Every structure is written in structure tokens, then in C-alpha cells.
Protein backbone atom coordinates (compact mmCIF):
# COMPACT_ATOMS: atom_id res chain seq x y z
CA MET A 1 10.81 35.89 6.84
CA LYS A 2 10.77 34.36 3.33
CA ASN A 3 13.75 31.80 4.04
CA ILE A 4 11.73 30.78 7.37
CA MET A 5 8.66 30.05 4.98
CA ILE A 6 10.81 28.17 2.58
CA VAL A 7 11.91 25.90 5.21
CA LEU A 8 8.27 25.12 6.60
CA PHE A 9 7.19 24.42 3.19
CA LEU A 10 10.22 21.88 2.72
CA VAL A 11 9.65 20.18 6.18
CA CYS A 12 5.97 20.12 5.36
CA VAL A 13 6.39 18.19 2.03
CA SER A 14 8.98 16.13 2.87
CA GLY A 15 6.89 14.80 5.79
CA CYS A 16 3.57 14.74 4.15
CA THR A 17 3.45 11.36 2.54
CA MET A 18 0.02 9.45 1.91
CA PRO A 19 -0.70 6.87 4.36
CA ILE A 20 -0.59 3.36 2.65
CA HIS A 21 -3.44 1.79 4.70
CA GLY A 22 -6.86 1.29 3.13
CA THR A 23 -8.70 -0.80 0.88
CA TYR A 24 -7.70 -1.56 -2.60
CA ILE A 25 -9.52 -2.86 -5.46
CA SER A 26 -8.33 -5.43 -8.32
CA SER A 27 -8.55 -3.54 -11.81
CA ASP A 28 -8.81 -7.26 -12.99
CA ASN A 29 -12.04 -8.44 -10.74
CA GLU A 30 -13.92 -6.10 -8.64
CA THR A 31 -14.59 -8.42 -6.15
CA GLN A 32 -11.08 -9.13 -5.14
CA SER A 33 -9.83 -6.48 -2.73
CA LEU A 34 -6.88 -6.16 -0.11
CA GLU A 35 -7.29 -4.33 2.92
CA LEU A 36 -4.30 -2.98 4.65
CA GLY A 37 -4.87 -1.90 8.30
CA SER A 38 -2.71 0.68 10.09
CA ASP A 39 -1.57 -2.24 12.62
CA GLY A 40 0.64 -4.03 9.93
CA MET A 41 -2.15 -6.70 9.17
CA TYR A 42 -3.73 -7.33 5.92
CA VAL A 43 -6.57 -9.48 4.53
CA LEU A 44 -6.82 -10.29 1.14
CA HIS A 45 -10.18 -11.26 -0.32
CA LEU A 46 -9.80 -13.46 -3.73
CA ASN A 47 -11.80 -16.66 -3.93
CA GLN A 48 -10.95 -17.03 -0.21
CA SER A 49 -9.63 -14.68 2.19
CA TYR A 50 -5.88 -14.41 3.47
CA THR A 51 -4.81 -12.84 6.30
CA GLY A 52 -0.91 -11.83 7.41
CA GLN A 53 1.37 -8.95 8.14
CA TYR A 54 2.59 -6.66 5.77
CA HIS A 55 5.56 -4.15 5.76
CA ILE A 56 6.64 -1.22 3.39
CA SER A 57 10.06 -0.73 2.36
CA ASN A 58 10.58 2.00 -0.14
CA ASP A 59 8.22 1.99 -2.79
CA ARG A 60 7.22 -1.75 -2.08
CA VAL A 61 4.51 -3.55 0.22
CA TYR A 62 5.42 -7.02 1.01
CA LEU A 63 2.81 -9.30 2.13
CA SER A 64 3.68 -12.10 4.11
CA TYR A 65 2.02 -15.43 3.94
CA PRO A 66 1.97 -17.69 7.09
CA MET A 67 3.30 -20.37 4.91
CA GLY A 68 6.74 -18.27 4.49
CA TYR A 69 5.20 -17.29 0.99
CA THR A 70 5.93 -13.19 0.49
CA VAL A 71 4.15 -11.27 -2.47
CA THR A 72 5.46 -8.12 -3.32
CA LEU A 73 3.44 -5.02 -4.71
CA GLN A 74 5.13 -1.56 -6.11
CA ILE A 75 3.41 1.51 -4.62
CA VAL A 76 2.61 3.85 -7.63
CA GLY A 77 0.38 6.98 -6.15
CA ASN A 78 -2.64 5.79 -5.49
CA GLN A 79 -2.28 2.52 -6.45
CA LEU A 80 -0.56 -1.07 -6.01
CA ILE A 81 0.74 -2.83 -8.93
CA ASP A 82 1.27 -6.73 -8.14
CA GLN A 83 3.95 -9.25 -9.81
CA ASN A 84 1.49 -10.16 -12.57
CA GLY A 85 0.98 -6.24 -13.41
CA THR A 86 -2.41 -6.03 -12.06
CA ILE A 87 -3.28 -2.68 -10.66
CA TRP A 88 -4.93 -2.34 -7.30
CA GLU A 89 -6.75 1.05 -7.00
CA LYS A 90 -7.13 2.65 -3.45
CA SER A 91 -11.00 2.95 -2.67
């Protein structure tokens, strides 16, 4: 019985990851936000809004802009860290 409980615990822990989709607020400017949809689409609100697709690979989120440019953010717990070191906190 103890072995079964250990196996069930390990299966649950290995499959229990926090979903990445949601809204993230910039630590540099609270008016800037990034919304990651569960459908693989994002909306980035800076001085204007940008939309596009994103994908996740390992501990990285890749935002694809329509002009072919890609921005990479690192996933660290409940935060995303962009290429400039700005922390985006999940709200």
C-alpha cells in the first residue's frame, strides 16, 4: 500500500505544473502587461498593443511578432524575465 501511495504521489507531482497562461505585469512599469492566452495567442500592452502567437519550450516563452521578430522570456516560478532583465509578475 505504501508503494502505491508513493507512485501516485510521484505521478501527480510530475504532472502538476502551473499553467503559464494568464496576465503578467511589468516590474518596471505597472501599466505594461502581457496576456498569454490558453490558445497560444498573446497581447502585449506597452505604449501600444501587440498581438501574436507564443510557444513554450523548456523554461522559455517565445513571443512571435508578425514581422518575424521573436522575443524570449525565461520562466522562473510565477514570473517571466525578459531579455532586458525585467521581471513580469503573474497577477
